[in-house]
Protein backbone atom coordinates (compact mmCIF):
# COMPACT_ATOMS: atom_id res chain seq x y z
CA MET A 1 -42.37 -36.25 -5.82
CA SER A 2 -40.78 -39.39 -4.39
CA ALA A 3 -37.02 -39.79 -4.28
CA HIS A 4 -37.31 -42.84 -6.51
CA LYS A 5 -39.15 -40.84 -9.18
CA LYS A 6 -36.66 -37.95 -8.93
CA THR A 7 -33.76 -40.38 -9.29
CA GLU A 8 -35.41 -42.01 -12.31
CA GLU A 9 -35.87 -38.60 -13.93
CA LEU A 10 -32.26 -37.62 -13.27
CA TYR A 11 -31.10 -40.94 -14.74
CA ALA A 12 -33.20 -40.44 -17.87
CA GLN A 13 -31.98 -36.86 -18.29
CA TYR A 14 -28.36 -37.87 -17.72
CA ILE A 15 -28.26 -40.73 -20.23
CA ALA A 16 -30.16 -38.67 -22.81
CA THR A 17 -27.79 -35.72 -22.45
CA ASN A 18 -24.56 -37.68 -22.20
CA ASN A 19 -25.54 -40.55 -24.52
CA VAL A 20 -23.92 -43.07 -22.18
CA ASP A 21 -24.73 -46.74 -21.81
CA ILE A 22 -24.92 -47.19 -18.03
CA SER A 23 -27.48 -49.27 -16.19
CA ARG A 24 -29.84 -47.70 -13.70
CA GLU A 25 -28.13 -49.64 -10.90
CA HIS A 26 -24.65 -48.50 -11.93
CA PHE A 27 -25.90 -44.93 -12.30
CA GLN A 28 -27.20 -45.13 -8.72
CA THR A 29 -23.65 -45.82 -7.54
CA LEU A 30 -22.26 -42.93 -9.61
CA PHE A 31 -24.97 -40.65 -8.28
CA THR A 32 -24.45 -41.71 -4.65
CA TYR A 33 -20.70 -41.08 -4.73
CA PHE A 34 -20.94 -37.84 -6.72
CA PRO A 35 -20.12 -35.75 -3.59
CA CYS A 36 -16.64 -37.36 -3.52
CA LEU A 37 -15.99 -35.78 -6.88
CA LEU A 38 -16.88 -32.39 -5.42
CA ILE A 39 -14.26 -32.88 -2.71
CA VAL A 40 -11.60 -33.72 -5.29
CA ALA A 41 -12.61 -30.65 -7.33
CA SER A 42 -13.15 -28.40 -4.30
CA ASP A 43 -10.44 -25.92 -5.31
CA GLY A 44 -11.99 -25.54 -8.75
CA VAL A 45 -9.31 -27.53 -10.58
CA VAL A 46 -8.59 -31.25 -10.75
CA ASP A 47 -4.81 -31.51 -11.01
CA GLU A 48 -2.73 -34.53 -12.00
CA GLU A 49 -2.52 -35.88 -8.44
CA GLU A 50 -6.27 -35.50 -7.96
CA TRP A 51 -6.95 -37.47 -11.16
CA VAL A 52 -5.31 -40.39 -9.34
CA PHE A 53 -8.08 -40.09 -6.73
CA VAL A 54 -10.72 -39.90 -9.45
CA LYS A 55 -9.31 -43.13 -10.87
CA TYR A 56 -9.38 -44.65 -7.37
CA LEU A 57 -12.99 -43.54 -6.97
CA SER A 58 -13.93 -45.25 -10.24
CA LYS A 59 -12.30 -48.47 -9.01
CA PHE A 60 -13.99 -48.16 -5.61
CA MET A 61 -17.41 -47.77 -7.25
CA ALA A 62 -16.85 -50.68 -9.66
CA ASP A 63 -15.63 -52.94 -6.86
CA ALA A 64 -19.11 -52.80 -5.33
CA TYR A 65 -20.08 -55.19 -8.15
CA LYS A 66 -17.04 -57.47 -7.88
CA SER A 67 -19.07 -60.52 -6.86
CA SER A 68 -21.54 -60.25 -9.73
CA LEU A 69 -19.28 -59.36 -12.68
CA THR A 70 -16.51 -61.10 -14.57
CA LYS A 71 -13.07 -59.46 -14.54
CA PRO A 72 -13.53 -57.99 -18.06
CA GLU A 73 -16.98 -56.66 -17.09
CA LEU A 74 -15.55 -55.16 -13.90
CA ASP A 75 -12.72 -53.51 -15.86
CA SER A 76 -15.24 -52.14 -18.35
CA LEU A 77 -17.42 -50.76 -15.55
CA GLN A 78 -14.41 -49.10 -13.93
CA LYS A 79 -13.52 -47.51 -17.26
CA THR A 80 -17.12 -46.30 -17.68
CA TYR A 81 -17.12 -44.82 -14.18
CA PHE A 82 -13.84 -43.02 -14.86
CA GLN A 83 -15.19 -41.60 -18.13
CA GLU A 84 -18.36 -40.44 -16.40
CA LEU A 85 -16.45 -38.86 -13.53
CA GLU A 86 -14.26 -37.10 -16.10
CA TYR A 87 -17.39 -35.88 -17.90
CA LEU A 88 -18.92 -34.69 -14.63
CA VAL A 89 -15.76 -32.76 -13.68
CA LYS A 90 -15.96 -30.96 -17.02
CA SER A 91 -19.67 -30.24 -16.64
CA LEU A 92 -20.10 -29.58 -12.92
CA ASP A 93 -21.99 -26.37 -13.70
CA LYS A 94 -24.69 -28.41 -15.43
CA TRP A 95 -24.93 -31.41 -13.08
CA LYS A 96 -23.97 -30.27 -9.57
CA GLU A 97 -27.37 -28.89 -8.58
CA PRO A 98 -29.53 -31.65 -10.13
CA PHE A 99 -27.33 -34.36 -8.60
CA LEU A 100 -27.27 -32.75 -5.14
CA ASP A 101 -31.00 -31.94 -5.13
CA THR A 102 -31.88 -35.49 -6.11
CA LEU A 103 -29.34 -36.99 -3.71
CA HIS A 104 -30.81 -34.92 -0.88
CA SER A 105 -34.26 -36.40 -1.59
CA TYR A 106 -32.80 -39.89 -1.91
CA LEU A 107 -30.98 -39.62 1.42
CA GLU A 108 -34.12 -38.38 3.16
CA GLU A 109 -35.63 -41.78 2.33
CA ASN A 110 -32.37 -43.73 2.82
CA ASP A 111 -31.05 -42.32 6.06
CA ASP A 112 -28.79 -45.33 6.65
CA GLU A 113 -26.51 -44.27 3.77
CA LYS A 114 -25.73 -40.80 5.15
CA GLU A 115 -22.98 -41.92 7.51
CA ASP A 116 -21.25 -43.95 4.79
CA ILE A 117 -21.22 -40.96 2.45
CA LEU A 118 -19.86 -38.65 5.14
CA ASP A 119 -17.12 -41.18 6.01
CA ILE A 120 -16.11 -41.50 2.36
CA LEU A 121 -16.00 -37.71 1.93
CA HIS A 122 -13.54 -37.49 4.82
CA LEU A 123 -11.55 -40.44 3.50
CA PHE A 124 -11.10 -38.81 0.09
CA ALA A 125 -10.23 -35.44 1.61
CA GLU A 126 -7.62 -36.96 3.95
CA ALA A 127 -6.07 -39.11 1.22
CA SER A 128 -4.32 -36.12 -0.35
CA ASP A 129 -1.84 -34.86 2.26
CA GLY A 130 -4.56 -34.11 4.79
CA VAL A 131 -7.67 -31.99 4.55
CA CYS A 132 -7.11 -28.53 3.04
CA ASP A 133 -9.38 -25.54 3.70
CA ASP A 134 -11.22 -25.93 0.37
CA GLU A 135 -11.96 -29.58 1.11
CA GLU A 136 -13.09 -28.85 4.66
CA GLU A 137 -15.39 -26.11 3.39
CA ALA A 138 -16.79 -28.46 0.71
CA ILE A 139 -17.41 -31.19 3.31
CA GLU A 140 -19.23 -28.72 5.57
CA GLU A 141 -21.33 -27.46 2.66
CA LEU A 142 -22.22 -31.00 1.54
CA THR A 143 -22.95 -32.12 5.11
CA GLU A 144 -25.41 -29.26 5.50
CA ARG A 145 -26.87 -29.51 2.00
CA LEU A 146 -27.44 -33.27 2.19
CA ASN A 147 -28.30 -33.27 5.90
CA LEU A 148 -25.62 -35.89 6.57
CA GLU A 149 -25.47 -35.36 10.34
């Protein structure tokens, strides 16, 4: 099955399960940056300080659309991303494997995005007082799982 088809299926399953109004394009961004959420949650708990990084991640993802959205639309998208990241943190058991399996297929066909994802994983890990053992282990696992190097 092509990566495009797998991504479409994941999108359909996600919006049906979560009953969220997110465009396919905006879901693609959420899906692509999902590994960052795994770094933030690498110790199994997202504490108050780490929620700041989740909020930053939602802003970072929304800012990719800065040139095509009005300020209120951009704010709304950032809020949607934050809500979805919050939902994903609470339901990692359900979504981690489907997201990573589909992302692996996607990256096999979009090799040019691998380096960006790896850089952002390191950026998020380093942003919180340096990289801890849990984060380093999560980065290594994701690098291997997604064939980022």
